Amino acid sequence: MPIPREGEPDFGKYESWDPHGWVEGDTYYGIFGGARPALFRGSELEQWDYVGDFIQTDREWGEPSEDVSCPDFFPIGDTHMLLCISHRRGARYFLGSWDGEHFTPEQHARMNWPGGGFFAPETLLDDQGRRVLLAWVMDPRDAGQRFEAGWSGVMSLPRVLSLSDDGVVHIEPAEELERLRHRPVEIDPFEIAADATQPVSRISGDALELQVEFAADSANRCGVIVRSSPDGEEQTVIEFDRAAGTLKIDFSRSSLDPTLAYRSWCIFRPDDEADAQRRVTVQEAPLALAAGEPLKLRIFLDHSMLEVFANGRQCVIQRIFPTRADSLDVSLFSRGGTARVTRLQAWTMAATVQD
């Protein structure tokens, strides 16, 4: 499927990168990334016909400068999902209807926010019928640091995507991750005083899984501090703000290395020099809880990787690079009122490959 040359019938109608293909019955389908994703189909893999624009809508989804690249298209529940990136903002998805010739999006949401680097998502359908997502988590270190370290970038933990009966996308860590748990710790329920921070002396490390639940009547703002030095000089703060409906990772003090203490606003393509230089120290994702719904966090730490799953329907990833060897402490906090912690469990996580 080469790009049409000037003078040919389809010249200028589509660009050609990031192909994605699937089969329905005896028909093969393929789409490309680009500002106008193109749809092709054919009865065999060697011959494809250009159908036209894949997305059928006159609505502007996202920002005007965003494209649709790294596409992955599949049924989920009783609808279809177009999972993709925009080069400006990272991973995102659309939900909508598919008629065999056009995809009509009806919802749009993100899986990456300024400060994060969740990119190039791909899914597979496993033998249990689960839709499993992995993505490239980009490396904020400069080229010299990556070269010296000898590696760059990692894959996210596998996420299982599903659609609830009311049309909400659910995002859960794959249950197989529980096989990595060892040295369990469980803390009895306790209360955190207003505007207080409560260290948890029995839990520390840089390769952990935490399960934390705050009661629904807890303070409006509460959360967990990880990778903290004893004096708090380095720390990463995970905060839920019930009134604002947000889940945040504040990494302004994650590292004493100034080159790793922030990420620029844009990942690949800043719109202007001001964007390129803007410092972002908080990654903020939407998370609205219903009245009476507790906050349920599953937090995974693996050295520079921090992945936070919340209430089965949100996940935020951040790369952090503490410089101090003692930046291992864990604390919980409450702001603007008391908070009740009804569950706190932790496990040290084993390596997936043993030497």
Protein backbone atom coordinates (compact mmCIF):
# COMPACT_ATOMS: atom_id res chain seq x y z
CA MET A 1 0.00 0.00 0.00
CA PRO A 2 2.36 2.73 -1.17
CA ILE A 3 1.55 6.39 -0.75
CA PRO A 4 -0.07 7.66 -3.99
CA ARG A 5 2.15 9.82 -6.14
CA GLU A 6 1.19 13.20 -7.52
CA GLY A 7 -1.24 12.75 -10.38
CA GLU A 8 -2.59 9.43 -9.10
CA PRO A 9 -6.29 9.29 -8.02
CA ASP A 10 -5.75 9.06 -4.25
CA PHE A 11 -2.84 11.50 -4.02
CA GLY A 12 -2.96 13.56 -0.79
CA LYS A 13 -5.74 11.52 0.82
CA TYR A 14 -3.65 9.58 3.30
CA GLU A 15 -0.24 9.12 4.83
CA SER A 16 1.44 5.79 5.48
CA TRP A 17 2.93 4.79 8.82
CA ASP A 18 2.08 2.60 11.84
CA PRO A 19 -0.03 -0.02 10.02
CA HIS A 20 -2.51 -2.13 11.97
CA GLY A 21 -4.48 -5.03 10.51
CA TRP A 22 -7.26 -7.41 11.50
CA VAL A 23 -9.64 -9.88 9.86
CA GLU A 24 -13.43 -10.11 10.00
CA GLY A 25 -14.89 -13.20 8.37
CA ASP A 26 -13.15 -13.49 5.02
CA THR A 27 -12.20 -9.80 4.79
CA TYR A 28 -8.90 -8.27 5.82
CA TYR A 29 -8.82 -4.71 7.12
CA GLY A 30 -5.91 -2.36 7.64
CA ILE A 31 -5.50 1.17 8.92
CA PHE A 32 -2.58 3.59 8.98
CA GLY A 33 -1.66 6.27 11.48
CA GLY A 34 -1.75 9.94 10.53
CA ALA A 35 -3.79 13.08 10.79
CA ARG A 36 -6.46 11.28 8.68
CA PRO A 37 -6.22 7.54 9.38
CA ALA A 38 -6.89 5.64 6.18
CA LEU A 39 -8.86 2.40 5.88
CA PHE A 40 -7.98 -0.41 3.47
CA ARG A 41 -9.56 -3.80 2.94
CA GLY A 42 -9.02 -6.85 0.79
CA SER A 43 -9.99 -10.48 0.31
CA GLU A 44 -6.34 -11.52 0.54
CA LEU A 45 -3.21 -10.12 2.14
CA GLU A 46 -1.48 -9.38 -1.17
CA GLN A 47 -4.18 -7.07 -2.56
CA TRP A 48 -5.67 -4.11 -0.73
CA ASP A 49 -8.21 -1.48 -1.80
CA TYR A 50 -8.33 2.01 -0.38
CA VAL A 51 -11.75 2.61 1.22
CA GLY A 52 -11.36 6.15 2.58
CA ASP A 53 -11.07 7.92 5.90
CA PHE A 54 -11.34 5.45 8.78
CA ILE A 55 -12.83 7.93 11.29
CA GLN A 56 -16.24 9.34 10.42
CA THR A 57 -16.93 12.45 12.50
CA ASP A 58 -16.97 16.21 12.22
CA ARG A 59 -16.06 16.63 15.90
CA GLU A 60 -12.57 17.72 16.98
CA TRP A 61 -11.40 15.16 19.53
CA GLY A 62 -8.52 16.24 21.74
CA GLU A 63 -6.36 19.16 20.60
CA PRO A 64 -6.07 20.42 17.01
CA SER A 65 -2.38 19.49 16.80
CA GLU A 66 -2.94 15.84 17.74
CA ASP A 67 -2.69 12.95 15.29
CA VAL A 68 -3.76 9.30 15.46
CA SER A 69 -0.71 7.02 15.42
CA CYS A 70 0.23 3.53 16.67
CA PRO A 71 -3.41 2.46 16.12
CA ASP A 72 -4.93 -0.69 17.58
CA PHE A 73 -8.61 -1.37 16.84
CA PHE A 74 -10.75 -4.03 18.45
CA PRO A 75 -14.20 -4.85 19.85
CA ILE A 76 -14.70 -4.36 23.58
CA GLY A 77 -18.02 -5.11 25.24
CA ASP A 78 -20.75 -4.06 22.82
CA THR A 79 -18.67 -1.34 21.17
CA HIS A 80 -15.24 -0.83 19.57
CA MET A 81 -12.08 0.83 20.84
CA LEU A 82 -9.49 2.68 18.82
CA LEU A 83 -6.41 2.69 21.03
CA CYS A 84 -3.64 4.97 19.77
CA ILE A 85 -1.34 7.85 20.57
CA SER A 86 -1.06 11.42 19.54
CA HIS A 87 2.57 12.39 19.24
CA ARG A 88 1.87 15.47 21.32
CA ARG A 89 0.02 13.89 24.26
CA GLY A 90 0.74 10.15 24.31
CA ALA A 91 -1.67 7.23 24.70
CA ARG A 92 -5.41 7.76 24.38
CA TYR A 93 -8.49 5.90 23.19
CA PHE A 94 -11.83 6.35 21.46
CA LEU A 95 -14.99 4.30 21.94
CA GLY A 96 -17.56 4.17 19.19
CA SER A 97 -19.44 2.25 16.52
CA TRP A 98 -18.00 0.38 13.53
CA ASP A 99 -20.06 -0.38 10.41
CA GLY A 100 -17.42 -2.13 8.33
CA GLU A 101 -16.40 1.05 6.49
CA HIS A 102 -16.24 3.78 9.12
CA PHE A 103 -15.51 4.13 12.80
CA THR A 104 -17.69 6.76 14.50
CA PRO A 105 -16.20 7.77 17.88
CA GLU A 106 -18.58 8.62 20.69
CA GLN A 107 -16.17 8.93 23.64
CA HIS A 108 -12.56 9.97 24.04
CA ALA A 109 -10.23 9.56 27.03
CA ARG A 110 -6.51 9.61 27.74
CA MET A 111 -4.05 7.16 29.22
CA ASN A 112 -1.24 9.70 29.50
CA TRP A 113 -1.07 13.24 30.83
CA PRO A 114 1.59 16.01 30.79
CA GLY A 115 4.57 14.76 32.75
CA GLY A 116 4.07 11.12 31.76
CA GLY A 117 5.49 8.97 29.00
CA PHE A 118 2.96 6.19 28.27
CA PHE A 119 3.38 5.57 24.54
CA ALA A 120 2.84 3.14 21.65
CA PRO A 121 0.18 0.93 23.31
CA GLU A 122 -0.59 -2.50 21.90
CA THR A 123 -3.08 -5.15 22.98
CA LEU A 124 -3.57 -8.87 22.56
CA LEU A 125 -6.47 -11.20 23.17
CA ASP A 126 -5.25 -14.02 25.39
CA ASP A 127 -6.50 -17.59 25.71
CA GLN A 128 -8.89 -16.50 28.48
CA GLY A 129 -10.50 -13.90 26.24
CA ARG A 130 -8.89 -11.01 28.11
CA ARG A 131 -7.84 -7.86 26.28
CA VAL A 132 -4.32 -7.28 27.62
CA LEU A 133 -2.55 -3.95 27.09
CA LEU A 134 1.15 -3.14 27.29
CA ALA A 135 2.89 0.08 26.31
CA TRP A 136 6.30 1.65 26.04
CA VAL A 137 7.11 3.83 29.04
CA MET A 138 9.54 6.40 27.76
CA ASP A 139 12.79 7.42 29.38
CA PRO A 140 13.10 11.08 30.49
CA ARG A 141 16.88 10.90 30.90
CA ASP A 142 19.00 12.66 28.31
CA ALA A 143 20.94 10.71 25.71
CA GLY A 144 24.18 10.78 27.66
CA GLN A 145 22.57 9.37 30.78
CA ARG A 146 20.84 6.62 28.83
CA PHE A 147 24.07 5.69 27.06
CA GLU A 148 25.98 5.56 30.35
CA ALA A 149 23.27 3.41 31.96
CA GLY A 150 23.27 1.01 29.00
CA TRP A 151 19.48 0.88 28.63
CA SER A 152 16.53 3.12 27.87
CA GLY A 153 12.79 2.76 28.31
CA VAL A 154 10.74 -0.08 29.74
CA MET A 155 7.41 -1.78 29.12
CA SER A 156 4.47 -1.15 31.39
CA LEU A 157 2.90 -3.83 33.49
CA PRO A 158 0.20 -5.75 31.60
CA ARG A 159 -3.23 -4.17 32.04
CA VAL A 160 -6.52 -5.96 31.42
CA LEU A 161 -9.12 -3.79 29.68
CA SER A 162 -12.84 -4.44 29.89
CA LEU A 163 -16.09 -2.51 29.55
CA SER A 164 -18.69 -2.41 32.30
CA ASP A 165 -22.42 -2.61 31.62
CA ASP A 166 -22.67 1.16 32.00
CA GLY A 167 -19.96 1.77 29.38
CA VAL A 168 -17.03 2.54 31.71
CA VAL A 169 -13.60 1.25 30.67
CA HIS A 170 -12.06 -0.81 33.46
CA ILE A 171 -8.28 -1.03 33.82
CA GLU A 172 -6.83 -3.69 36.10
CA PRO A 173 -3.33 -5.13 36.55
CA ALA A 174 -3.10 -8.69 35.24
CA GLU A 175 -3.77 -11.15 38.05
CA GLU A 176 -0.59 -13.09 37.19
CA LEU A 177 1.40 -10.30 38.87
CA GLU A 178 0.29 -11.72 42.21
CA ARG A 179 2.69 -14.61 41.63
CA LEU A 180 5.56 -12.17 42.23
CA ARG A 181 4.47 -11.38 45.77
CA HIS A 182 6.54 -12.43 48.75
CA ARG A 183 7.22 -11.20 52.31
CA PRO A 184 3.63 -9.99 52.92
CA VAL A 185 2.85 -7.24 55.42
CA GLU A 186 -0.64 -6.33 56.62
CA ILE A 187 -1.40 -3.32 58.83
CA ASP A 188 -4.58 -3.10 60.93
CA PRO A 189 -7.01 -0.29 60.05
CA PHE A 190 -6.05 3.07 61.49
CA GLU A 191 -6.89 6.77 61.36
CA ILE A 192 -4.70 9.63 60.18
CA ALA A 193 -5.24 12.96 61.90
CA ALA A 194 -6.08 16.05 59.89
CA ASP A 195 -3.10 17.45 58.00
CA ALA A 196 -0.84 14.69 59.30
CA THR A 197 1.58 12.28 57.64
CA GLN A 198 1.84 8.78 59.07
CA PRO A 199 5.06 6.81 58.38
CA VAL A 200 4.66 3.05 57.98
CA SER A 201 7.82 1.60 59.49
CA ARG A 202 7.09 -1.99 58.50
CA ILE A 203 6.90 -1.19 54.78
CA SER A 204 9.81 0.11 52.70
CA GLY A 205 11.63 -0.64 49.47
CA ASP A 206 11.93 0.06 45.76
CA ALA A 207 10.27 -3.14 44.48
CA LEU A 208 6.85 -3.26 46.14
CA GLU A 209 3.17 -3.79 45.58
CA LEU A 210 0.90 -1.80 47.91
CA GLN A 211 -2.85 -2.12 48.34
CA VAL A 212 -4.34 0.84 50.17
CA GLU A 213 -7.97 1.67 50.82
CA PHE A 214 -9.26 4.92 52.28
CA ALA A 215 -12.83 5.04 53.59
CA ALA A 216 -15.29 7.17 51.65
CA ASP A 217 -15.71 9.58 54.57
CA SER A 218 -11.97 10.33 54.64
CA ALA A 219 -10.50 13.78 54.15
CA ASN A 220 -11.03 15.39 50.79
CA ARG A 221 -7.32 14.95 49.99
CA CYS A 222 -5.36 11.90 51.00
CA GLY A 223 -2.77 9.55 49.61
CA VAL A 224 0.54 7.75 49.79
CA ILE A 225 4.15 8.91 49.77
CA VAL A 226 6.70 6.47 48.32
CA ARG A 227 10.45 6.40 47.68
CA SER A 228 10.95 8.89 50.50
CA SER A 229 14.24 9.56 52.25
CA PRO A 230 13.97 9.66 56.07
CA ASP A 231 14.15 13.47 56.06
CA GLY A 232 11.75 13.84 53.12
CA GLU A 233 14.39 15.48 50.93
CA GLU A 234 13.42 13.01 48.19
CA GLN A 235 9.86 11.74 47.93
CA THR A 236 7.10 11.02 45.42
CA VAL A 237 3.52 11.88 46.41
CA ILE A 238 0.41 10.06 45.17
CA GLU A 239 -2.63 12.19 46.02
CA PHE A 240 -6.35 11.83 45.45
CA ASP A 241 -8.47 14.99 45.53
CA ARG A 242 -12.12 14.04 45.88
CA ALA A 243 -13.53 17.52 45.24
CA ALA A 244 -11.42 18.05 42.12
CA GLY A 245 -11.90 14.46 40.95
CA THR A 246 -8.20 13.96 40.29
CA LEU A 247 -5.46 11.44 40.96
CA LYS A 248 -2.01 13.06 41.01
CA ILE A 249 1.60 12.02 41.12
CA ASP A 250 3.73 14.89 42.41
CA PHE A 251 7.32 14.17 41.40
CA SER A 252 8.74 17.61 42.13
CA ARG A 253 10.94 16.07 44.86
CA SER A 254 11.43 12.62 43.39
CA SER A 255 15.09 13.22 42.56
CA LEU A 256 17.89 15.51 43.69
CA ASP A 257 19.24 15.34 40.15
CA PRO A 258 17.80 18.50 38.53
CA THR A 259 17.80 16.92 35.06
CA LEU A 260 15.42 14.21 36.30
CA ALA A 261 13.18 16.24 38.56
CA TYR A 262 10.64 17.09 35.84
CA ARG A 263 9.42 16.26 32.39
CA SER A 264 8.70 18.81 29.70
CA TRP A 265 5.06 19.46 28.82
CA CYS A 266 5.33 17.81 25.43
CA ILE A 267 6.73 14.39 24.72
CA PHE A 268 7.82 14.64 21.09
CA ARG A 269 6.42 17.72 19.46
CA PRO A 270 6.23 21.00 21.38
CA ASP A 271 4.08 23.60 19.68
CA ASP A 272 6.53 26.35 20.55
CA GLU A 273 9.65 27.09 22.56
CA ALA A 274 7.63 28.01 25.64
CA ASP A 275 6.01 24.58 25.62
CA ALA A 276 9.39 22.92 25.22
CA GLN A 277 10.79 24.69 28.29
CA ARG A 278 7.72 24.44 30.51
CA ARG A 279 8.45 22.38 33.61
CA VAL A 280 5.86 19.89 34.77
CA THR A 281 6.21 18.41 38.24
CA VAL A 282 2.73 16.94 38.74
CA GLN A 283 1.01 14.41 36.51
CA GLU A 284 -2.75 14.68 36.99
CA ALA A 285 -5.45 12.28 35.74
CA PRO A 286 -9.23 12.40 36.18
CA LEU A 287 -10.75 10.12 38.81
CA ALA A 288 -14.30 10.79 39.97
CA LEU A 289 -15.66 8.59 42.75
CA ALA A 290 -19.35 8.09 43.45
CA ALA A 291 -20.86 9.15 46.76
CA GLY A 292 -19.91 6.59 49.37
CA GLU A 293 -17.23 4.98 47.18
CA PRO A 294 -13.90 4.36 48.96
CA LEU A 295 -10.58 5.10 47.31
CA LYS A 296 -8.83 1.85 46.34
CA LEU A 297 -5.21 2.05 45.21
CA ARG A 298 -2.88 -0.63 43.89
CA ILE A 299 0.62 0.79 43.69
CA PHE A 300 3.52 -0.95 41.98
CA LEU A 301 7.10 0.19 42.49
CA ASP A 302 9.98 -1.22 40.48
CA HIS A 303 13.03 1.02 40.93
CA SER A 304 12.41 3.86 38.42
CA MET A 305 8.87 2.68 37.60
CA LEU A 306 5.78 3.78 39.51
CA GLU A 307 2.36 2.55 38.37
CA VAL A 308 -0.78 3.52 40.27
CA PHE A 309 -4.10 1.75 39.60
CA ALA A 310 -7.18 3.34 41.15
CA ASN A 311 -10.63 1.85 41.67
CA GLY A 312 -10.30 -0.40 38.65
CA ARG A 313 -10.78 2.42 36.16
CA GLN A 314 -7.69 4.63 36.14
CA CYS A 315 -3.94 4.16 35.97
CA VAL A 316 -1.10 6.69 36.10
CA ILE A 317 2.54 5.85 35.37
CA GLN A 318 5.58 7.91 36.30
CA ARG A 319 9.32 7.35 35.92
CA ILE A 320 11.21 8.47 39.04
CA PHE A 321 14.95 8.50 39.71
CA PRO A 322 15.79 9.01 43.41
CA THR A 323 19.50 9.56 43.97
CA ARG A 324 19.70 8.60 47.65
CA ALA A 325 20.10 4.95 48.61
CA ASP A 326 17.83 5.50 51.63
CA SER A 327 14.87 6.85 49.61
CA LEU A 328 12.80 3.76 50.40
CA ASP A 329 10.25 4.87 53.02
CA VAL A 330 6.45 4.76 52.70
CA SER A 331 3.97 7.08 54.43
CA LEU A 332 0.25 7.83 54.24
CA PHE A 333 -1.23 11.30 54.68
CA SER A 334 -4.42 13.27 55.11
CA ARG A 335 -5.11 16.90 54.22
CA GLY A 336 -8.05 19.03 55.35
CA GLY A 337 -9.56 16.46 57.69
CA THR A 338 -9.02 13.01 59.13
CA ALA A 339 -8.70 9.93 56.96
CA ARG A 340 -9.55 6.32 57.79
CA VAL A 341 -7.32 3.67 56.28
CA THR A 342 -9.39 0.50 56.11
CA ARG A 343 -6.83 -1.61 54.28
CA LEU A 344 -3.06 -1.54 53.97
CA GLN A 345 -1.17 -4.50 52.57
CA ALA A 346 2.27 -4.71 51.00
CA TRP A 347 4.47 -7.26 49.35
CA THR A 348 8.05 -7.24 48.19
CA MET A 349 7.97 -8.05 44.47
CA ALA A 350 10.20 -10.77 43.08
CA ALA A 351 11.92 -10.44 39.71
CA THR A 352 10.01 -11.92 36.76
CA VAL A 353 13.23 -13.65 35.58
CA GLN A 354 15.49 -15.29 38.10
CA ASP A 355 19.26 -15.47 37.58
